Structures are given as C-alpha cells and as structure tokens.
Amino acid sequence: MTGYVVENDGRPWRLTLRDGLRFHDGEPERARDFFGLALMQATDEVSAADDRTIVFRLNKHFSLLPDAPAKPASRMCPIMPVHRGW
C-alpha cells in the first residue's frame, strides 16, 4: 500500500496499492483481488444471531468463507487472485 485517504466523516477510506505488485505467478495484484471484497460481493447480509454466532446470508457459493474471519499472525490486508468461481 502506498497510502490512504480518509474522507468526510471518517467512514469512507481509500487505500492505494503500490505500483508493480505481483503474485507468485507474475500476475499483477489489483484492488479487486482483496479477499474482503470477494466475500462481500458474495454476501447479501451479515448479522449477529447472538454474542458468539455470525450469520452470513450468501448470494452465491463462497467456499473460503470459514477462512475469512480467521485472525492472521500479523496485521495484513489479504489479497488473493480473483477466482472465477466466486
């Protein structure tokens, strides 16, 4: 990431990826590869059933959903290549 801009009331944030980012296979990394974006595009609704239960109502199959809320060992913004099946 090269930087970010916080707009107006502090809710809209714009994150800018560095130029030249590439995956292991040489393909460029793009904003649409952001894992959270792929999850949210497959989600119609997220709610809390109780203090320990998150409910996702999906609009299409998303097999990586169990990995989405996992806490990585360090702070990171997960970016993965867009999978055509998502």
PDB file of N, CA and C in Angstrom:
ATOM      1  N   MET A   1       0.845  -1.163   0.000  1.00  0.00           N
ATOM      2  CA  MET A   1       0.000   0.000   0.000  1.00  0.00           C
ATOM      3  C   MET A   1       0.898   1.236   0.000  1.00  0.00           C
ATOM      4  N   THR A   2       0.526   2.203  -0.818  1.00  0.00           N
ATOM      5  CA  THR A   2       1.313   3.434  -0.846  1.00  0.00           C
ATOM      6  C   THR A   2       0.713   4.507   0.047  1.00  0.00           C
ATOM      7  N   GLY A   3      -0.536   4.365   0.384  1.00  0.00           N
ATOM      8  CA  GLY A   3      -1.150   5.363   1.239  1.00  0.00           C
ATOM      9  C   GLY A   3      -2.657   5.200   1.315  1.00  0.00           C
ATOM     10  N   TYR A   4      -3.263   6.130   2.031  1.00  0.00           N
ATOM     11  CA  TYR A   4      -4.710   6.099   2.165  1.00  0.00           C
ATOM     12  C   TYR A   4      -5.227   7.512   2.388  1.00  0.00           C
ATOM     13  N   VAL A   5      -6.517   7.685   2.119  1.00  0.00           N
ATOM     14  CA  VAL A   5      -7.187   8.958   2.343  1.00  0.00           C
ATOM     15  C   VAL A   5      -8.472   8.661   3.106  1.00  0.00           C
ATOM     16  N   VAL A   6      -8.695   9.397   4.185  1.00  0.00           N
ATOM     17  CA  VAL A   6      -9.936   9.284   4.949  1.00  0.00           C
ATOM     18  C   VAL A   6     -10.784  10.490   4.585  1.00  0.00           C
ATOM     19  N   GLU A   7     -12.002  10.239   4.165  1.00  0.00           N
ATOM     20  CA  GLU A   7     -12.859  11.316   3.680  1.00  0.00           C
ATOM     21  C   GLU A   7     -13.925  11.711   4.699  1.00  0.00           C
ATOM     22  N   ASN A   8     -14.411  12.906   4.552  1.00  0.00           N
ATOM     23  CA  ASN A   8     -15.545  13.480   5.281  1.00  0.00           C
ATOM     24  C   ASN A   8     -15.678  13.033   6.726  1.00  0.00           C
ATOM     25  N   ASP A   9     -16.636  12.173   7.010  1.00  0.00           N
ATOM     26  CA  ASP A   9     -16.963  11.791   8.382  1.00  0.00           C
ATOM     27  C   ASP A   9     -16.100  10.657   8.918  1.00  0.00           C
ATOM     28  N   GLY A  10     -15.044  10.289   8.182  1.00  0.00           N
ATOM     29  CA  GLY A  10     -14.160   9.227   8.639  1.00  0.00           C
ATOM     30  C   GLY A  10     -14.624   7.836   8.267  1.00  0.00           C
ATOM     31  N   ARG A  11     -15.718   7.727   7.541  1.00  0.00           N
ATOM     32  CA  ARG A  11     -16.200   6.401   7.148  1.00  0.00           C
ATOM     33  C   ARG A  11     -15.640   5.938   5.807  1.00  0.00           C
ATOM     34  N   PRO A  12     -15.629   6.779   4.780  1.00  0.00           N
ATOM     35  CA  PRO A  12     -15.020   6.299   3.531  1.00  0.00           C
ATOM     36  C   PRO A  12     -13.494   6.391   3.584  1.00  0.00           C
ATOM     37  N   TRP A  13     -12.856   5.286   3.356  1.00  0.00           N
ATOM     38  CA  TRP A  13     -11.401   5.226   3.274  1.00  0.00           C
ATOM     39  C   TRP A  13     -11.026   4.769   1.875  1.00  0.00           C
ATOM     40  N   ARG A  14      -9.988   5.360   1.306  1.00  0.00           N
ATOM     41  CA  ARG A  14      -9.452   4.937   0.014  1.00  0.00           C
ATOM     42  C   ARG A  14      -8.016   4.487   0.226  1.00  0.00           C
ATOM     43  N   LEU A  15      -7.766   3.202  -0.023  1.00  0.00           N
ATOM     44  CA  LEU A  15      -6.435   2.636   0.108  1.00  0.00           C
ATOM     45  C   LEU A  15      -5.843   2.505  -1.293  1.00  0.00           C
ATOM     46  N   THR A  16      -4.589   2.892  -1.450  1.00  0.00           N
ATOM     47  CA  THR A  16      -3.926   2.826  -2.756  1.00  0.00           C
ATOM     48  C   THR A  16      -2.815   1.784  -2.700  1.00  0.00           C
ATOM     49  N   LEU A  17      -2.901   0.806  -3.616  1.00  0.00           N
ATOM     50  CA  LEU A  17      -1.880  -0.234  -3.702  1.00  0.00           C
ATOM     51  C   LEU A  17      -0.639   0.306  -4.404  1.00  0.00           C
ATOM     52  N   ARG A  18       0.507  -0.228  -4.058  1.00  0.00           N
ATOM     53  CA  ARG A  18       1.763   0.155  -4.715  1.00  0.00           C
ATOM     54  C   ARG A  18       1.757  -0.288  -6.166  1.00  0.00           C
ATOM     55  N   ASP A  19       2.431   0.470  -7.004  1.00  0.00           N
ATOM     56  CA  ASP A  19       2.642   0.067  -8.394  1.00  0.00           C
ATOM     57  C   ASP A  19       3.542  -1.163  -8.432  1.00  0.00           C
ATOM     58  N   GLY A  20       3.300  -2.020  -9.386  1.00  0.00           N
ATOM     59  CA  GLY A  20       4.191  -3.149  -9.613  1.00  0.00           C
ATOM     60  C   GLY A  20       3.987  -4.362  -8.729  1.00  0.00           C
ATOM     61  N   LEU A  21       2.935  -4.384  -7.886  1.00  0.00           N
ATOM     62  CA  LEU A  21       2.701  -5.560  -7.041  1.00  0.00           C
ATOM     63  C   LEU A  21       2.333  -6.751  -7.920  1.00  0.00           C
ATOM     64  N   ARG A  22       2.906  -7.903  -7.615  1.00  0.00           N
ATOM     65  CA  ARG A  22       2.666  -9.111  -8.416  1.00  0.00           C
ATOM     66  C   ARG A  22       2.481 -10.318  -7.503  1.00  0.00           C
ATOM     67  N   PHE A  23       1.665 -11.272  -7.961  1.00  0.00           N
ATOM     68  CA  PHE A  23       1.526 -12.551  -7.286  1.00  0.00           C
ATOM     69  C   PHE A  23       2.715 -13.433  -7.660  1.00  0.00           C
ATOM     70  N   HIS A  24       2.810 -14.588  -7.027  1.00  0.00           N
ATOM     71  CA  HIS A  24       3.929 -15.506  -7.272  1.00  0.00           C
ATOM     72  C   HIS A  24       4.043 -15.926  -8.733  1.00  0.00           C
ATOM     73  N   ASP A  25       2.934 -15.901  -9.479  1.00  0.00           N
ATOM     74  CA  ASP A  25       2.961 -16.328 -10.882  1.00  0.00           C
ATOM     75  C   ASP A  25       3.195 -15.165 -11.850  1.00  0.00           C
ATOM     76  N   GLY A  26       3.474 -13.976 -11.298  1.00  0.00           N
ATOM     77  CA  GLY A  26       3.767 -12.818 -12.132  1.00  0.00           C
ATOM     78  C   GLY A  26       2.563 -11.973 -12.502  1.00  0.00           C
ATOM     79  N   GLU A  27       1.355 -12.466 -12.200  1.00  0.00           N
ATOM     80  CA  GLU A  27       0.155 -11.682 -12.498  1.00  0.00           C
ATOM     81  C   GLU A  27       0.092 -10.469 -11.565  1.00  0.00           C
ATOM     82  N   PRO A  28      -0.416  -9.341 -12.051  1.00  0.00           N
ATOM     83  CA  PRO A  28      -0.495  -8.152 -11.197  1.00  0.00           C
ATOM     84  C   PRO A  28      -1.552  -8.292 -10.102  1.00  0.00           C
ATOM     85  N   GLU A  29      -1.269  -7.706  -8.952  1.00  0.00           N
ATOM     86  CA  GLU A  29      -2.268  -7.610  -7.886  1.00  0.00           C
ATOM     87  C   GLU A  29      -3.129  -6.393  -8.163  1.00  0.00           C
ATOM     88  N   ARG A  30      -4.434  -6.553  -8.005  1.00  0.00           N
ATOM     89  CA  ARG A  30      -5.377  -5.460  -8.248  1.00  0.00           C
ATOM     90  C   ARG A  30      -6.304  -5.309  -7.045  1.00  0.00           C
ATOM     91  N   ALA A  31      -6.936  -4.176  -6.944  1.00  0.00           N
ATOM     92  CA  ALA A  31      -7.865  -3.926  -5.836  1.00  0.00           C
ATOM     93  C   ALA A  31      -8.962  -4.984  -5.793  1.00  0.00           C
ATOM     94  N   ARG A  32      -9.403  -5.473  -6.942  1.00  0.00           N
ATOM     95  CA  ARG A  32     -10.488  -6.464  -6.961  1.00  0.00           C
ATOM     96  C   ARG A  32     -10.048  -7.805  -6.381  1.00  0.00           C
ATOM     97  N   ASP A  33      -8.748  -8.002  -6.159  1.00  0.00           N
ATOM     98  CA  ASP A  33      -8.244  -9.235  -5.568  1.00  0.00           C
ATOM     99  C   ASP A  33      -8.342  -9.231  -4.041  1.00  0.00           C
ATOM    100  N   PHE A  34      -8.729  -8.125  -3.448  1.00  0.00           N
ATOM    101  CA  PHE A  34      -8.857  -8.020  -1.989  1.00  0.00           C
ATOM    102  C   PHE A  34      -9.867  -9.043  -1.500  1.00  0.00           C
ATOM    103  N   PHE A  35      -9.454  -9.936  -0.616  1.00  0.00           N
ATOM    104  CA  PHE A  35     -10.275 -11.045  -0.138  1.00  0.00           C
ATOM    105  C   PHE A  35     -11.602 -10.582   0.446  1.00  0.00           C
ATOM    106  N   GLY A  36     -11.578  -9.510   1.218  1.00  0.00           N
ATOM    107  CA  GLY A  36     -12.804  -8.997   1.825  1.00  0.00           C
ATOM    108  C   GLY A  36     -13.807  -8.540   0.785  1.00  0.00           C
ATOM    109  N   LEU A  37     -13.325  -7.973  -0.307  1.00  0.00           N
ATOM    110  CA  LEU A  37     -14.207  -7.535  -1.385  1.00  0.00           C
ATOM    111  C   LEU A  37     -14.913  -8.727  -2.009  1.00  0.00           C
ATOM    112  N   ALA A  38     -14.172  -9.796  -2.270  1.00  0.00           N
ATOM    113  CA  ALA A  38     -14.773 -11.003  -2.845  1.00  0.00           C
ATOM    114  C   ALA A  38     -15.837 -11.570  -1.909  1.00  0.00           C
ATOM    115  N   LEU A  39     -15.546 -11.589  -0.616  1.00  0.00           N
ATOM    116  CA  LEU A  39     -16.523 -12.086   0.356  1.00  0.00           C
ATOM    117  C   LEU A  39     -17.769 -11.214   0.367  1.00  0.00           C
ATOM    118  N   MET A  40     -17.602  -9.907   0.412  1.00  0.00           N
ATOM    119  CA  MET A  40     -18.765  -9.026   0.481  1.00  0.00           C
ATOM    120  C   MET A  40     -19.604  -9.076  -0.791  1.00  0.00           C
ATOM    121  N   GLN A  41     -18.971  -9.314  -1.948  1.00  0.00           N
ATOM    122  CA  GLN A  41     -19.731  -9.440  -3.187  1.00  0.00           C
ATOM    123  C   GLN A  41     -20.564 -10.713  -3.205  1.00  0.00           C
ATOM    124  N   ALA A  42     -20.174 -11.724  -2.449  1.00  0.00           N
ATOM    125  CA  ALA A  42     -20.919 -12.971  -2.365  1.00  0.00           C
ATOM    126  C   ALA A  42     -21.929 -12.954  -1.222  1.00  0.00           C
ATOM    127  N   THR A  43     -22.007 -11.857  -0.484  1.00  0.00           N
ATOM    128  CA  THR A  43     -22.831 -11.775   0.723  1.00  0.00           C
ATOM    129  C   THR A  43     -24.001 -10.818   0.540  1.00  0.00           C
ATOM    130  N   ASP A  44     -25.201 -11.301   0.861  1.00  0.00           N
ATOM    131  CA  ASP A  44     -26.378 -10.431   0.867  1.00  0.00           C
ATOM    132  C   ASP A  44     -26.555  -9.754   2.218  1.00  0.00           C
ATOM    133  N   GLU A  45     -26.206 -10.482   3.283  1.00  0.00           N
ATOM    134  CA  GLU A  45     -26.428  -9.931   4.621  1.00  0.00           C
ATOM    135  C   GLU A  45     -25.498 -10.601   5.629  1.00  0.00           C
ATOM    136  N   VAL A  46     -25.022  -9.822   6.590  1.00  0.00           N
ATOM    137  CA  VAL A  46     -24.259 -10.337   7.723  1.00  0.00           C
ATOM    138  C   VAL A  46     -24.970  -9.869   8.977  1.00  0.00           C
ATOM    139  N   SER A  47     -25.176 -10.779   9.902  1.00  0.00           N
ATOM    140  CA  SER A  47     -25.848 -10.406  11.145  1.00  0.00           C
ATOM    141  C   SER A  47     -25.252 -11.191  12.304  1.00  0.00           C
ATOM    142  N   ALA A  48     -25.609 -10.793  13.502  1.00  0.00           N
ATOM    143  CA  ALA A  48     -25.166 -11.491  14.711  1.00  0.00           C
ATOM    144  C   ALA A  48     -26.381 -12.156  15.343  1.00  0.00           C
ATOM    145  N   ALA A  49     -26.410 -13.479  15.346  1.00  0.00           N
ATOM    146  CA  ALA A  49     -27.522 -14.214  15.946  1.00  0.00           C
ATOM    147  C   ALA A  49     -27.464 -14.121  17.466  1.00  0.00           C
ATOM    148  N   ASP A  50     -26.265 -14.099  18.009  1.00  0.00           N
ATOM    149  CA  ASP A  50     -26.049 -13.933  19.443  1.00  0.00           C
ATOM    150  C   ASP A  50     -24.607 -13.456  19.624  1.00  0.00           C
ATOM    151  N   ASP A  51     -24.106 -13.428  20.841  1.00  0.00           N
ATOM    152  CA  ASP A  51     -22.763 -12.903  21.097  1.00  0.00           C
ATOM    153  C   ASP A  51     -21.643 -13.738  20.480  1.00  0.00           C
ATOM    154  N   ARG A  52     -21.937 -14.982  20.079  1.00  0.00           N
ATOM    155  CA  ARG A  52     -20.883 -15.851  19.547  1.00  0.00           C
ATOM    156  C   ARG A  52     -21.176 -16.387  18.154  1.00  0.00           C
ATOM    157  N   THR A  53     -22.269 -15.949  17.522  1.00  0.00           N
ATOM    158  CA  THR A  53     -22.660 -16.517  16.236  1.00  0.00           C
ATOM    159  C   THR A  53     -22.840 -15.447  15.177  1.00  0.00           C
ATOM    160  N   ILE A  54     -22.030 -15.528  14.121  1.00  0.00           N
ATOM    161  CA  ILE A  54     -22.142 -14.627  12.970  1.00  0.00           C
ATOM    162  C   ILE A  54     -22.894 -15.384  11.876  1.00  0.00           C
ATOM    163  N   VAL A  55     -23.873 -14.748  11.267  1.00  0.00           N
ATOM    164  CA  VAL A  55     -24.667 -15.377  10.214  1.00  0.00           C
ATOM    165  C   VAL A  55     -24.420 -14.634   8.904  1.00  0.00           C
ATOM    166  N   PHE A  56     -23.923 -15.356   7.917  1.00  0.00           N
ATOM    167  CA  PHE A  56     -23.745 -14.824   6.575  1.00  0.00           C
ATOM    168  C   PHE A  56     -24.860 -15.391   5.703  1.00  0.00           C
ATOM    169  N   ARG A  57     -25.596 -14.538   5.014  1.00  0.00           N
ATOM    170  CA  ARG A  57     -26.552 -14.994   4.005  1.00  0.00           C
ATOM    171  C   ARG A  57     -25.920 -14.675   2.660  1.00  0.00           C
ATOM    172  N   LEU A  58     -25.493 -15.721   1.955  1.00  0.00           N
ATOM    173  CA  LEU A  58     -24.753 -15.561   0.710  1.00  0.00           C
ATOM    174  C   LEU A  58     -25.682 -15.519  -0.494  1.00  0.00           C
ATOM    175  N   ASN A  59     -25.222 -14.864  -1.548  1.00  0.00           N
ATOM    176  CA  ASN A  59     -25.974 -14.845  -2.797  1.00  0.00           C
ATOM    177  C   ASN A  59     -25.365 -15.798  -3.813  1.00  0.00           C
ATOM    178  N   LYS A  60     -24.200 -16.393  -3.473  1.00  0.00           N
ATOM    179  CA  LYS A  60     -23.566 -17.412  -4.309  1.00  0.00           C
ATOM    180  C   LYS A  60     -22.582 -18.186  -3.446  1.00  0.00           C
ATOM    181  N   HIS A  61     -22.153 -19.325  -3.936  1.00  0.00           N
ATOM    182  CA  HIS A  61     -21.228 -20.188  -3.210  1.00  0.00           C
ATOM    183  C   HIS A  61     -19.901 -19.461  -2.954  1.00  0.00           C
ATOM    184  N   PHE A  62     -19.378 -19.581  -1.750  1.00  0.00           N
ATOM    185  CA  PHE A  62     -18.100 -18.982  -1.383  1.00  0.00           C
ATOM    186  C   PHE A  62     -17.399 -19.935  -0.426  1.00  0.00           C
ATOM    187  N   SER A  63     -16.651 -20.881  -0.983  1.00  0.00           N
ATOM    188  CA  SER A  63     -16.065 -21.952  -0.180  1.00  0.00           C
ATOM    189  C   SER A  63     -15.007 -21.480   0.817  1.00  0.00           C
ATOM    190  N   LEU A  64     -14.450 -20.276   0.614  1.00  0.00           N
ATOM    191  CA  LEU A  64     -13.414 -19.772   1.522  1.00  0.00           C
ATOM    192  C   LEU A  64     -13.979 -18.997   2.714  1.00  0.00           C
ATOM    193  N   LEU A  65     -15.288 -18.992   2.865  1.00  0.00           N
ATOM    194  CA  LEU A  65     -15.896 -18.221   3.960  1.00  0.00           C
ATOM    195  C   LEU A  65     -15.325 -18.582   5.332  1.00  0.00           C
ATOM    196  N   PRO A  66     -15.118 -19.853   5.677  1.00  0.00           N
ATOM    197  CA  PRO A  66     -14.567 -20.154   7.008  1.00  0.00           C
ATOM    198  C   PRO A  66     -13.196 -19.529   7.253  1.00  0.00           C
ATOM    199  N   ASP A  67     -12.445 -19.240   6.192  1.00  0.00           N
ATOM    200  CA  ASP A  67     -11.126 -18.633   6.347  1.00  0.00           C
ATOM    201  C   ASP A  67     -11.194 -17.117   6.518  1.00  0.00           C
ATOM    202  N   ALA A  68     -12.301 -16.503   6.127  1.00  0.00           N
ATOM    203  CA  ALA A  68     -12.406 -15.045   6.109  1.00  0.00           C
ATOM    204  C   ALA A  68     -12.240 -14.403   7.488  1.00  0.00           C
ATOM    205  N   PRO A  69     -12.913 -14.871   8.535  1.00  0.00           N
ATOM    206  CA  PRO A  69     -12.762 -14.205   9.831  1.00  0.00           C
ATOM    207  C   PRO A  69     -11.536 -14.645  10.621  1.00  0.00           C
ATOM    208  N   ALA A  70     -10.726 -15.546  10.075  1.00  0.00           N
ATOM    209  CA  ALA A  70      -9.544 -16.019  10.787  1.00  0.00           C
ATOM    210  C   ALA A  70      -8.580 -14.872  11.040  1.00  0.00           C
ATOM    211  N   LYS A  71      -7.989 -14.854  12.206  1.00  0.00           N
ATOM    212  CA  LYS A  71      -7.052 -13.799  12.555  1.00  0.00           C
ATOM    213  C   LYS A  71      -5.651 -14.223  12.147  1.00  0.00           C
ATOM    214  N   PRO A  72      -5.028 -13.490  11.219  1.00  0.00           N
ATOM    215  CA  PRO A  72      -3.652 -13.837  10.841  1.00  0.00           C
ATOM    216  C   PRO A  72      -2.680 -13.510  11.973  1.00  0.00           C
ATOM    217  N   ALA A  73      -1.501 -14.076  11.872  1.00  0.00           N
ATOM    218  CA  ALA A  73      -0.482 -13.865  12.904  1.00  0.00           C
ATOM    219  C   ALA A  73      -0.044 -12.417  12.990  1.00  0.00           C
ATOM    220  N   SER A  74      -0.171 -11.672  11.901  1.00  0.00           N
ATOM    221  CA  SER A  74       0.201 -10.273  11.913  1.00  0.00           C
ATOM    222  C   SER A  74      -0.870  -9.468  11.190  1.00  0.00           C
ATOM    223  N   ARG A  75      -0.843  -8.172  11.357  1.00  0.00           N
ATOM    224  CA  ARG A  75      -1.808  -7.331  10.650  1.00  0.00           C
ATOM    225  C   ARG A  75      -1.496  -7.360   9.167  1.00  0.00           C
ATOM    226  N   MET A  76      -2.523  -7.609   8.388  1.00  0.00           N
ATOM    227  CA  MET A  76      -2.338  -7.635   6.955  1.00  0.00           C
ATOM    228  C   MET A  76      -3.647  -7.395   6.250  1.00  0.00           C
ATOM    229  N   CYS A  77      -3.570  -6.997   5.031  1.00  0.00           N
ATOM    230  CA  CYS A  77      -4.728  -6.814   4.177  1.00  0.00           C
ATOM    231  C   CYS A  77      -4.653  -7.942   3.154  1.00  0.00           C
ATOM    232  N   PRO A  78      -5.375  -9.055   3.363  1.00  0.00           N
ATOM    233  CA  PRO A  78      -5.205 -10.203   2.490  1.00  0.00           C
ATOM    234  C   PRO A  78      -5.644  -9.911   1.063  1.00  0.00           C
ATOM    235  N   ILE A  79      -4.765 -10.179   0.135  1.00  0.00           N
ATOM    236  CA  ILE A  79      -5.068 -10.033  -1.278  1.00  0.00           C
ATOM    237  C   ILE A  79      -4.761 -11.364  -1.940  1.00  0.00           C
ATOM    238  N   MET A  80      -5.767 -11.901  -2.625  1.00  0.00           N
ATOM    239  CA  MET A  80      -5.631 -13.174  -3.318  1.00  0.00           C
ATOM    240  C   MET A  80      -6.140 -12.997  -4.734  1.00  0.00           C
ATOM    241  N   PRO A  81      -5.617 -13.753  -5.700  1.00  0.00           N
ATOM    242  CA  PRO A  81      -6.116 -13.628  -7.062  1.00  0.00           C
ATOM    243  C   PRO A  81      -7.614 -13.912  -7.105  1.00  0.00           C
ATOM    244  N   VAL A  82      -8.341 -13.138  -7.880  1.00  0.00           N
ATOM    245  CA  VAL A  82      -9.770 -13.347  -8.039  1.00  0.00           C
ATOM    246  C   VAL A  82      -9.984 -14.715  -8.661  1.00  0.00           C
ATOM    247  N   HIS A  83     -10.831 -15.513  -8.061  1.00  0.00           N
ATOM    248  CA  HIS A  83     -11.134 -16.843  -8.564  1.00  0.00           C
ATOM    249  C   HIS A  83     -12.447 -16.772  -9.325  1.00  0.00           C
ATOM    250  N   ARG A  84     -12.479 -17.262 -10.505  1.00  0.00           N
ATOM    251  CA  ARG A  84     -13.682 -17.147 -11.354  1.00  0.00           C
ATOM    252  C   ARG A  84     -14.893 -17.824 -10.739  1.00  0.00           C
ATOM    253  N   GLY A  85     -14.690 -18.754  -9.822  1.00  0.00           N
ATOM    254  CA  GLY A  85     -15.808 -19.458  -9.203  1.00  0.00           C
ATOM    255  C   GLY A  85     -16.477 -18.692  -8.076  1.00  0.00           C
ATOM    256  N   TRP A  86     -15.923 -17.564  -7.667  1.00  0.00           N
ATOM    257  CA  TRP A  86     -16.503 -16.811  -6.549  1.00  0.00           C
ATOM    258  C   TRP A  86     -17.693 -16.076  -6.989  1.00  0.00           C
TER     259      TRP A  86
END
